[in-house]
Full PDB file with SEQRES, HELIX, SHEET, SSBOND, CRYST1, ORIGX, SCALE, CONECT and MASTER records, all heavy atoms in Angstrom:
SEQRES   1 A   35  ASP ALA GLY VAL HIS ALA SER GLY GLN MET ILE ASN PHE          
SEQRES   2 A   35  HIS THR ARG SER HIS LEU THR PRO GLN VAL TRP GLN ARG          
SEQRES   3 A   35  ALA LEU ASN ALA VAL LEU PRO GLY THR                          
HELIX    1 AA1 PRO A   21  VAL A   31  1                                  11    
CRYST1    1.000    1.000    1.000  90.00  90.00  90.00 P 1           1          
ORIGX1      1.000000  0.000000  0.000000        0.00000                         
ORIGX2      0.000000  1.000000  0.000000        0.00000                         
ORIGX3      0.000000  0.000000  1.000000        0.00000                         
SCALE1      1.000000  0.000000  0.000000        0.00000                         
SCALE2      0.000000  1.000000  0.000000        0.00000                         
SCALE3      0.000000  0.000000  1.000000        0.00000                         
ATOM      1  N   ASP A   1     -74.952 -35.109 -51.595  1.00  0.00           N  
ATOM      2  CA  ASP A   1     -74.620 -35.011 -50.176  1.00  0.00           C  
ATOM      3  C   ASP A   1     -73.159 -35.385 -49.918  1.00  0.00           C  
ATOM      4  O   ASP A   1     -72.471 -35.916 -50.802  1.00  0.00           O  
ATOM      5  CB  ASP A   1     -75.516 -35.936 -49.355  1.00  0.00           C  
ATOM      6  CG  ASP A   1     -76.976 -35.505 -49.371  1.00  0.00           C  
ATOM      7  OD1 ASP A   1     -77.217 -34.301 -49.590  1.00  0.00           O  
ATOM      8  OD2 ASP A   1     -77.850 -36.362 -49.188  1.00  0.00           O  
ATOM      9  N   ALA A   2     -72.725 -35.161 -48.697  1.00  0.00           N  
ATOM     10  CA  ALA A   2     -71.361 -35.540 -48.285  1.00  0.00           C  
ATOM     11  C   ALA A   2     -71.140 -37.022 -48.527  1.00  0.00           C  
ATOM     12  O   ALA A   2     -71.973 -37.856 -48.169  1.00  0.00           O  
ATOM     13  CB  ALA A   2     -71.156 -35.203 -46.814  1.00  0.00           C  
ATOM     14  N   GLY A   3     -70.021 -37.343 -49.180  1.00  0.00           N  
ATOM     15  CA  GLY A   3     -69.674 -38.739 -49.426  1.00  0.00           C  
ATOM     16  C   GLY A   3     -70.231 -39.346 -50.676  1.00  0.00           C  
ATOM     17  O   GLY A   3     -69.842 -40.453 -51.062  1.00  0.00           O  
ATOM     18  N   VAL A   4     -71.157 -38.657 -51.340  1.00  0.00           N  
ATOM     19  CA  VAL A   4     -71.767 -39.180 -52.567  1.00  0.00           C  
ATOM     20  C   VAL A   4     -70.850 -38.890 -53.752  1.00  0.00           C  
ATOM     21  O   VAL A   4     -70.246 -37.811 -53.835  1.00  0.00           O  
ATOM     22  CB  VAL A   4     -73.167 -38.564 -52.792  1.00  0.00           C  
ATOM     23  CG1 VAL A   4     -73.753 -39.019 -54.130  1.00  0.00           C  
ATOM     24  CG2 VAL A   4     -74.098 -38.926 -51.638  1.00  0.00           C  
ATOM     25  N   HIS A   5     -70.786 -39.825 -54.697  1.00  0.00           N  
ATOM     26  CA  HIS A   5     -69.901 -39.707 -55.854  1.00  0.00           C  
ATOM     27  C   HIS A   5     -70.681 -39.264 -57.106  1.00  0.00           C  
ATOM     28  O   HIS A   5     -71.910 -39.209 -57.092  1.00  0.00           O  
ATOM     29  CB  HIS A   5     -69.231 -41.049 -56.126  1.00  0.00           C  
ATOM     30  CG  HIS A   5     -68.700 -41.724 -54.898  1.00  0.00           C  
ATOM     31  ND1 HIS A   5     -67.639 -41.231 -54.183  1.00  0.00           N  
ATOM     32  CD2 HIS A   5     -69.114 -42.856 -54.253  1.00  0.00           C  
ATOM     33  CE1 HIS A   5     -67.390 -42.024 -53.140  1.00  0.00           C  
ATOM     34  NE2 HIS A   5     -68.281 -43.011 -53.162  1.00  0.00           N  
ATOM     35  N   ALA A   6     -69.944 -38.997 -58.164  1.00  0.00           N  
ATOM     36  CA  ALA A   6     -70.582 -38.675 -59.444  1.00  0.00           C  
ATOM     37  C   ALA A   6     -69.686 -39.109 -60.587  1.00  0.00           C  
ATOM     38  O   ALA A   6     -68.470 -38.952 -60.534  1.00  0.00           O  
ATOM     39  CB  ALA A   6     -70.861 -37.182 -59.556  1.00  0.00           C  
ATOM     40  N   SER A   7     -70.305 -39.691 -61.615  1.00  0.00           N  
ATOM     41  CA  SER A   7     -69.599 -39.951 -62.869  1.00  0.00           C  
ATOM     42  C   SER A   7     -70.170 -39.090 -63.968  1.00  0.00           C  
ATOM     43  O   SER A   7     -69.559 -38.953 -65.035  1.00  0.00           O  
ATOM     44  CB  SER A   7     -69.694 -41.427 -63.255  1.00  0.00           C  
ATOM     45  OG  SER A   7     -71.069 -41.810 -63.425  1.00  0.00           O  
ATOM     46  N   GLY A   8     -71.354 -38.475 -63.731  1.00  0.00           N  
ATOM     47  CA  GLY A   8     -71.986 -37.674 -64.758  1.00  0.00           C  
ATOM     48  C   GLY A   8     -72.637 -36.406 -64.220  1.00  0.00           C  
ATOM     49  O   GLY A   8     -73.688 -36.002 -64.711  1.00  0.00           O  
ATOM     50  N   GLN A   9     -72.019 -35.783 -63.226  1.00  0.00           N  
ATOM     51  CA  GLN A   9     -72.520 -34.484 -62.755  1.00  0.00           C  
ATOM     52  C   GLN A   9     -72.321 -33.444 -63.853  1.00  0.00           C  
ATOM     53  O   GLN A   9     -71.287 -33.449 -64.528  1.00  0.00           O  
ATOM     54  CB  GLN A   9     -71.764 -34.055 -61.507  1.00  0.00           C  
ATOM     55  CG  GLN A   9     -71.998 -32.646 -61.028  1.00  0.00           C  
ATOM     56  CD  GLN A   9     -73.333 -32.431 -60.333  1.00  0.00           C  
ATOM     57  OE1 GLN A   9     -74.359 -32.308 -61.009  1.00  0.00           O  
ATOM     58  NE2 GLN A   9     -73.321 -32.395 -59.006  1.00  0.00           N  
ATOM     59  N   MET A  10     -73.298 -32.590 -64.049  1.00  0.00           N  
ATOM     60  CA  MET A  10     -73.166 -31.524 -65.045  1.00  0.00           C  
ATOM     61  C   MET A  10     -73.092 -30.176 -64.332  1.00  0.00           C  
ATOM     62  O   MET A  10     -73.881 -29.907 -63.417  1.00  0.00           O  
ATOM     63  CB  MET A  10     -74.351 -31.538 -66.007  1.00  0.00           C  
ATOM     64  CG  MET A  10     -74.272 -30.489 -67.100  1.00  0.00           C  
ATOM     65  SD  MET A  10     -72.847 -30.674 -68.208  1.00  0.00           S  
ATOM     66  CE  MET A  10     -73.251 -32.235 -68.995  1.00  0.00           C  
ATOM     67  N   ILE A  11     -72.161 -29.338 -64.756  1.00  0.00           N  
ATOM     68  CA  ILE A  11     -72.022 -27.989 -64.196  1.00  0.00           C  
ATOM     69  C   ILE A  11     -72.009 -26.986 -65.340  1.00  0.00           C  
ATOM     70  O   ILE A  11     -71.816 -27.340 -66.513  1.00  0.00           O  
ATOM     71  CB  ILE A  11     -70.734 -27.840 -63.360  1.00  0.00           C  
ATOM     72  CG1 ILE A  11     -69.496 -27.942 -64.284  1.00  0.00           C  
ATOM     73  CG2 ILE A  11     -70.651 -28.855 -62.238  1.00  0.00           C  
ATOM     74  CD1 ILE A  11     -68.199 -27.412 -63.667  1.00  0.00           C  
ATOM     75  N   ASN A  12     -72.229 -25.733 -64.992  1.00  0.00           N  
ATOM     76  CA  ASN A  12     -71.962 -24.658 -65.949  1.00  0.00           C  
ATOM     77  C   ASN A  12     -71.486 -23.434 -65.176  1.00  0.00           C  
ATOM     78  O   ASN A  12     -71.763 -23.273 -63.991  1.00  0.00           O  
ATOM     79  CB  ASN A  12     -73.185 -24.339 -66.810  1.00  0.00           C  
ATOM     80  CG  ASN A  12     -74.250 -23.563 -66.073  1.00  0.00           C  
ATOM     81  OD1 ASN A  12     -74.938 -24.103 -65.202  1.00  0.00           O  
ATOM     82  ND2 ASN A  12     -74.409 -22.277 -66.399  1.00  0.00           N  
ATOM     83  N   PHE A  13     -70.718 -22.589 -65.861  1.00  0.00           N  
ATOM     84  CA  PHE A  13     -70.238 -21.347 -65.275  1.00  0.00           C  
ATOM     85  C   PHE A  13     -70.026 -20.332 -66.385  1.00  0.00           C  
ATOM     86  O   PHE A  13     -69.787 -20.681 -67.540  1.00  0.00           O  
ATOM     87  CB  PHE A  13     -68.947 -21.558 -64.469  1.00  0.00           C  
ATOM     88  CG  PHE A  13     -67.770 -22.039 -65.299  1.00  0.00           C  
ATOM     89  CD1 PHE A  13     -66.862 -21.149 -65.866  1.00  0.00           C  
ATOM     90  CD2 PHE A  13     -67.574 -23.406 -65.515  1.00  0.00           C  
ATOM     91  CE1 PHE A  13     -65.779 -21.595 -66.621  1.00  0.00           C  
ATOM     92  CE2 PHE A  13     -66.503 -23.864 -66.273  1.00  0.00           C  
ATOM     93  CZ  PHE A  13     -65.598 -22.960 -66.826  1.00  0.00           C  
ATOM     94  N   HIS A  14     -70.155 -19.054 -66.021  1.00  0.00           N  
ATOM     95  CA  HIS A  14     -69.939 -17.973 -66.983  1.00  0.00           C  
ATOM     96  C   HIS A  14     -68.554 -17.375 -66.779  1.00  0.00           C  
ATOM     97  O   HIS A  14     -68.073 -17.253 -65.652  1.00  0.00           O  
ATOM     98  CB  HIS A  14     -71.003 -16.892 -66.816  1.00  0.00           C  
ATOM     99  CG  HIS A  14     -72.379 -17.320 -67.244  1.00  0.00           C  
ATOM    100  ND1 HIS A  14     -73.228 -18.058 -66.418  1.00  0.00           N  
ATOM    101  CD2 HIS A  14     -73.036 -17.148 -68.417  1.00  0.00           C  
ATOM    102  CE1 HIS A  14     -74.354 -18.293 -67.070  1.00  0.00           C  
ATOM    103  NE2 HIS A  14     -74.262 -17.759 -68.276  1.00  0.00           N  
ATOM    104  N   THR A  15     -67.924 -17.021 -67.896  1.00  0.00           N  
ATOM    105  CA  THR A  15     -66.573 -16.494 -67.833  1.00  0.00           C  
ATOM    106  C   THR A  15     -66.364 -15.461 -68.943  1.00  0.00           C  
ATOM    107  O   THR A  15     -66.936 -15.563 -70.038  1.00  0.00           O  
ATOM    108  CB  THR A  15     -65.534 -17.617 -67.960  1.00  0.00           C  
ATOM    109  OG1 THR A  15     -64.211 -17.042 -68.011  1.00  0.00           O  
ATOM    110  CG2 THR A  15     -65.747 -18.438 -69.226  1.00  0.00           C  
ATOM    111  N   ARG A  16     -65.530 -14.460 -68.626  1.00  0.00           N  
ATOM    112  CA  ARG A  16     -65.134 -13.487 -69.666  1.00  0.00           C  
ATOM    113  C   ARG A  16     -63.915 -13.970 -70.430  1.00  0.00           C  
ATOM    114  O   ARG A  16     -63.503 -13.351 -71.402  1.00  0.00           O  
ATOM    115  CB  ARG A  16     -64.853 -12.136 -69.008  1.00  0.00           C  
ATOM    116  CG  ARG A  16     -66.097 -11.425 -68.476  1.00  0.00           C  
ATOM    117  CD  ARG A  16     -65.774 -10.011 -67.978  1.00  0.00           C  
ATOM    118  NE  ARG A  16     -64.925 -10.042 -66.816  1.00  0.00           N  
ATOM    119  CZ  ARG A  16     -65.379 -10.129 -65.553  1.00  0.00           C  
ATOM    120  NH1 ARG A  16     -66.676 -10.201 -65.333  1.00  0.00           N  
ATOM    121  NH2 ARG A  16     -64.533 -10.138 -64.535  1.00  0.00           N  
ATOM    122  N   SER A  17     -63.329 -15.055 -69.979  1.00  0.00           N  
ATOM    123  CA  SER A  17     -62.176 -15.616 -70.663  1.00  0.00           C  
ATOM    124  C   SER A  17     -62.566 -16.147 -72.036  1.00  0.00           C  
ATOM    125  O   SER A  17     -63.687 -16.604 -72.261  1.00  0.00           O  
ATOM    126  CB  SER A  17     -61.583 -16.766 -69.821  1.00  0.00           C  
ATOM    127  OG  SER A  17     -60.653 -17.496 -70.581  1.00  0.00           O  
ATOM    128  N   HIS A  18     -61.631 -16.066 -72.985  1.00  0.00           N  
ATOM    129  CA  HIS A  18     -61.887 -16.553 -74.342  1.00  0.00           C  
ATOM    130  C   HIS A  18     -61.240 -17.907 -74.599  1.00  0.00           C  
ATOM    131  O   HIS A  18     -61.063 -18.311 -75.749  1.00  0.00           O  
ATOM    132  CB  HIS A  18     -61.404 -15.523 -75.376  1.00  0.00           C  
ATOM    133  CG  HIS A  18     -62.158 -14.238 -75.318  1.00  0.00           C  
ATOM    134  ND1 HIS A  18     -63.483 -14.134 -75.686  1.00  0.00           N  
ATOM    135  CD2 HIS A  18     -61.781 -12.994 -74.910  1.00  0.00           C  
ATOM    136  CE1 HIS A  18     -63.900 -12.877 -75.526  1.00  0.00           C  
ATOM    137  NE2 HIS A  18     -62.874 -12.169 -75.062  1.00  0.00           N  
ATOM    138  N   LEU A  19     -60.894 -18.624 -73.546  1.00  0.00           N  
ATOM    139  CA  LEU A  19     -60.357 -19.975 -73.710  1.00  0.00           C  
ATOM    140  C   LEU A  19     -61.409 -20.878 -74.346  1.00  0.00           C  
ATOM    141  O   LEU A  19     -62.600 -20.776 -74.020  1.00  0.00           O  
ATOM    142  CB  LEU A  19     -59.928 -20.554 -72.364  1.00  0.00           C  
ATOM    143  CG  LEU A  19     -58.808 -19.841 -71.611  1.00  0.00           C  
ATOM    144  CD1 LEU A  19     -58.608 -20.500 -70.238  1.00  0.00           C  
ATOM    145  CD2 LEU A  19     -57.525 -19.841 -72.411  1.00  0.00           C  
ATOM    146  N   THR A  20     -60.989 -21.759 -75.212  1.00  0.00           N  
ATOM    147  CA  THR A  20     -61.935 -22.699 -75.828  1.00  0.00           C  
ATOM    148  C   THR A  20     -62.328 -23.760 -74.795  1.00  0.00           C  
ATOM    149  O   THR A  20     -61.592 -23.997 -73.815  1.00  0.00           O  
ATOM    150  CB  THR A  20     -61.311 -23.397 -77.036  1.00  0.00           C  
ATOM    151  OG1 THR A  20     -60.227 -24.241 -76.597  1.00  0.00           O  
ATOM    152  CG2 THR A  20     -60.799 -22.384 -78.057  1.00  0.00           C  
ATOM    153  N   PRO A  21     -63.450 -24.426 -75.001  1.00  0.00           N  
ATOM    154  CA  PRO A  21     -63.827 -25.489 -74.075  1.00  0.00           C  
ATOM    155  C   PRO A  21     -62.773 -26.569 -73.931  1.00  0.00           C  
ATOM    156  O   PRO A  21     -62.566 -27.098 -72.836  1.00  0.00           O  
ATOM    157  CB  PRO A  21     -65.120 -26.038 -74.696  1.00  0.00           C  
ATOM    158  CG  PRO A  21     -65.695 -24.891 -75.456  1.00  0.00           C  
ATOM    159  CD  PRO A  21     -64.508 -24.167 -76.010  1.00  0.00           C  
ATOM    160  N   GLN A  22     -62.108 -26.894 -75.017  1.00  0.00           N  
ATOM    161  CA  GLN A  22     -61.075 -27.926 -74.967  1.00  0.00           C  
ATOM    162  C   GLN A  22     -59.904 -27.488 -74.085  1.00  0.00           C  
ATOM    163  O   GLN A  22     -59.346 -28.292 -73.321  1.00  0.00           O  
ATOM    164  CB  GLN A  22     -60.569 -28.253 -76.400  1.00  0.00           C  
ATOM    165  CG  GLN A  22     -61.594 -28.920 -77.292  1.00  0.00           C  
ATOM    166  CD  GLN A  22     -62.677 -27.963 -77.768  1.00  0.00           C  
ATOM    167  OE1 GLN A  22     -62.466 -26.743 -77.856  1.00  0.00           O  
ATOM    168  NE2 GLN A  22     -63.855 -28.514 -78.072  1.00  0.00           N  
ATOM    169  N   VAL A  23     -59.561 -26.219 -74.157  1.00  0.00           N  
ATOM    170  CA  VAL A  23     -58.487 -25.700 -73.316  1.00  0.00           C  
ATOM    171  C   VAL A  23     -58.948 -25.668 -71.861  1.00  0.00           C  
ATOM    172  O   VAL A  23     -58.182 -25.988 -70.934  1.00  0.00           O  
ATOM    173  CB  VAL A  23     -58.045 -24.296 -73.787  1.00  0.00           C  
ATOM    174  CG1 VAL A  23     -57.070 -23.674 -72.782  1.00  0.00           C  
ATOM    175  CG2 VAL A  23     -57.391 -24.378 -75.152  1.00  0.00           C  
ATOM    176  N   TRP A  24     -60.212 -25.281 -71.654  1.00  0.00           N  
ATOM    177  CA  TRP A  24     -60.748 -25.301 -70.286  1.00  0.00           C  
ATOM    178  C   TRP A  24     -60.652 -26.708 -69.679  1.00  0.00           C  
ATOM    179  O   TRP A  24     -60.265 -26.872 -68.522  1.00  0.00           O  
ATOM    180  CB  TRP A  24     -62.217 -24.858 -70.285  1.00  0.00           C  
ATOM    181  CG  TRP A  24     -62.408 -23.398 -70.062  1.00  0.00           C  
ATOM    182  CD1 TRP A  24     -62.905 -22.476 -70.944  1.00  0.00           C  
ATOM    183  CD2 TRP A  24     -62.134 -22.671 -68.849  1.00  0.00           C  
ATOM    184  NE1 TRP A  24     -62.929 -21.209 -70.362  1.00  0.00           N  
ATOM    185  CE2 TRP A  24     -62.478 -21.310 -69.088  1.00  0.00           C  
ATOM    186  CE3 TRP A  24     -61.621 -23.028 -67.612  1.00  0.00           C  
ATOM    187  CZ2 TRP A  24     -62.324 -20.322 -68.112  1.00  0.00           C  
ATOM    188  CZ3 TRP A  24     -61.471 -22.051 -66.628  1.00  0.00           C  
ATOM    189  CH2 TRP A  24     -61.823 -20.717 -66.885  1.00  0.00           C  
ATOM    190  N   GLN A  25     -61.001 -27.720 -70.462  1.00  0.00           N  
ATOM    191  CA  GLN A  25     -60.949 -29.090 -69.963  1.00  0.00           C  
ATOM    192  C   GLN A  25     -59.532 -29.463 -69.555  1.00  0.00           C  
ATOM    193  O   GLN A  25     -59.298 -29.985 -68.458  1.00  0.00           O  
ATOM    194  CB  GLN A  25     -61.485 -30.080 -70.991  1.00  0.00           C  
ATOM    195  CG  GLN A  25     -61.490 -31.528 -70.505  1.00  0.00           C  
ATOM    196  CD  GLN A  25     -62.013 -32.504 -71.538  1.00  0.00           C  
ATOM    197  OE1 GLN A  25     -62.204 -32.152 -72.695  1.00  0.00           O  
ATOM    198  NE2 GLN A  25     -62.253 -33.733 -71.112  1.00  0.00           N  
ATOM    199  N   ARG A  26     -58.567 -29.192 -70.437  1.00  0.00           N  
ATOM    200  CA  ARG A  26     -57.184 -29.548 -70.138  1.00  0.00           C  
ATOM    201  C   ARG A  26     -56.650 -28.761 -68.943  1.00  0.00           C  
ATOM    202  O   ARG A  26     -55.978 -29.305 -68.052  1.00  0.00           O  
ATOM    203  CB  ARG A  26     -56.291 -29.303 -71.359  1.00  0.00           C  
ATOM    204  CG  ARG A  26     -56.553 -30.265 -72.512  1.00  0.00           C  
ATOM    205  CD  ARG A  26     -55.383 -30.241 -73.507  1.00  0.00           C  
ATOM    206  NE  ARG A  26     -55.171 -28.931 -74.060  1.00  0.00           N  
ATOM    207  CZ  ARG A  26     -55.756 -28.466 -75.177  1.00  0.00           C  
ATOM    208  NH1 ARG A  26     -56.629 -29.243 -75.834  1.00  0.00           N  
ATOM    209  NH2 ARG A  26     -55.494 -27.264 -75.646  1.00  0.00           N  
ATOM    210  N   ALA A  27     -56.971 -27.468 -68.911  1.00  0.00           N  
ATOM    211  CA  ALA A  27     -56.454 -26.616 -67.836  1.00  0.00           C  
ATOM    212  C   ALA A  27     -57.047 -26.998 -66.486  1.00  0.00           C  
ATOM    213  O   ALA A  27     -56.322 -27.071 -65.478  1.00  0.00           O  
ATOM    214  CB  ALA A  27     -56.749 -25.151 -68.155  1.00  0.00           C  
ATOM    215  N   LEU A  28     -58.341 -27.243 -66.463  1.00  0.00           N  
ATOM    216  CA  LEU A  28     -58.969 -27.620 -65.197  1.00  0.00           C  
ATOM    217  C   LEU A  28     -58.434 -28.953 -64.692  1.00  0.00           C  
ATOM    218  O   LEU A  28     -58.142 -29.122 -63.495  1.00  0.00           O  
ATOM    219  CB  LEU A  28     -60.491 -27.694 -65.366  1.00  0.00           C  
ATOM    220  CG  LEU A  28     -61.212 -26.347 -65.424  1.00  0.00           C  
ATOM    221  CD1 LEU A  28     -62.680 -26.534 -65.830  1.00  0.00           C  
ATOM    222  CD2 LEU A  28     -61.135 -25.632 -64.075  1.00  0.00           C  
ATOM    223  N   ASN A  29     -58.280 -29.921 -65.581  1.00  0.00           N  
ATOM    224  CA  ASN A  29     -57.757 -31.215 -65.161  1.00  0.00           C  
ATOM    225  C   ASN A  29     -56.306 -31.119 -64.691  1.00  0.00           C  
ATOM    226  O   ASN A  29     -55.844 -31.961 -63.906  1.00  0.00           O  
ATOM    227  CB  ASN A  29     -57.883 -32.239 -66.307  1.00  0.00           C  
ATOM    228  CG  ASN A  29     -59.270 -32.792 -66.426  1.00  0.00           C  
ATOM    229  OD1 ASN A  29     -60.016 -32.870 -65.439  1.00  0.00           O  
ATOM    230  ND2 ASN A  29     -59.648 -33.187 -67.627  1.00  0.00           N  
ATOM    231  N   ALA A  30     -55.611 -30.087 -65.151  1.00  0.00           N  
ATOM    232  CA  ALA A  30     -54.211 -29.904 -64.728  1.00  0.00           C  
ATOM    233  C   ALA A  30     -54.126 -29.362 -63.301  1.00  0.00           C  
ATOM    234  O   ALA A  30     -53.140 -29.611 -62.606  1.00  0.00           O  
ATOM    235  CB  ALA A  30     -53.489 -28.976 -65.690  1.00  0.00           C  
ATOM    236  N   VAL A  31     -55.151 -28.626 -62.850  1.00  0.00           N  
ATOM    237  CA  VAL A  31     -55.047 -27.988 -61.530  1.00  0.00           C  
ATOM    238  C   VAL A  31     -55.989 -28.595 -60.502  1.00  0.00           C  
ATOM    239  O   VAL A  31     -55.794 -28.384 -59.283  1.00  0.00           O  
ATOM    240  CB  VAL A  31     -55.321 -26.463 -61.631  1.00  0.00           C  
ATOM    241  CG1 VAL A  31     -54.320 -25.804 -62.545  1.00  0.00           C  
ATOM    242  CG2 VAL A  31     -56.749 -26.185 -62.114  1.00  0.00           C  
ATOM    243  N   LEU A  32     -56.975 -29.351 -60.930  1.00  0.00           N  
ATOM    244  CA  LEU A  32     -57.903 -29.981 -59.977  1.00  0.00           C  
ATOM    245  C   LEU A  32     -57.207 -31.139 -59.250  1.00  0.00           C  
ATOM    246  O   LEU A  32     -56.304 -31.783 -59.792  1.00  0.00           O  
ATOM    247  CB  LEU A  32     -59.147 -30.514 -60.714  1.00  0.00           C  
ATOM    248  CG  LEU A  32     -60.188 -29.487 -61.120  1.00  0.00           C  
ATOM    249  CD1 LEU A  32     -61.175 -30.106 -62.111  1.00  0.00           C  
ATOM    250  CD2 LEU A  32     -60.925 -28.932 -59.904  1.00  0.00           C  
ATOM    251  N   PRO A  33     -57.634 -31.447 -58.033  1.00  0.00           N  
ATOM    252  CA  PRO A  33     -57.078 -32.620 -57.341  1.00  0.00           C  
ATOM    253  C   PRO A  33     -57.480 -33.899 -58.059  1.00  0.00           C  
ATOM    254  O   PRO A  33     -58.413 -33.916 -58.871  1.00  0.00           O  
ATOM    255  CB  PRO A  33     -57.725 -32.527 -55.956  1.00  0.00           C  
ATOM    256  CG  PRO A  33     -58.960 -31.731 -56.145  1.00  0.00           C  
ATOM    257  CD  PRO A  33     -58.651 -30.745 -57.220  1.00  0.00           C  
ATOM    258  N   GLY A  34     -56.805 -34.985 -57.736  1.00  0.00           N  
ATOM    259  CA  GLY A  34     -57.057 -36.250 -58.415  1.00  0.00           C  
ATOM    260  C   GLY A  34     -58.449 -36.815 -58.184  1.00  0.00           C  
ATOM    261  O   GLY A  34     -58.871 -37.717 -58.907  1.00  0.00           O  
ATOM    262  N   THR A  35     -59.171 -36.283 -57.196  1.00  0.00           N  
ATOM    263  CA  THR A  35     -60.508 -36.793 -56.895  1.00  0.00           C  
ATOM    264  C   THR A  35     -61.601 -36.121 -57.718  1.00  0.00           C  
ATOM    265  O   THR A  35     -62.773 -36.483 -57.603  1.00  0.00           O  
ATOM    266  CB  THR A  35     -60.817 -36.564 -55.405  1.00  0.00           C  
ATOM    267  OG1 THR A  35     -60.512 -35.202 -55.062  1.00  0.00           O  
ATOM    268  CG2 THR A  35     -60.003 -37.522 -54.541  1.00  0.00           C  
TER     269      THR A  35                                                      
MASTER        0    0    0    1    0    0    0    6  268    1    0    3          
END                                                                             
């Protein structure tokens, strides 16, 4: 809900990109907000 936090939320998504998971992690952390 609104205002609730997470330290262990799990997500998944499908992509045609061939980036490795490690690259996905670095790239997402580079563009996501600090929250």
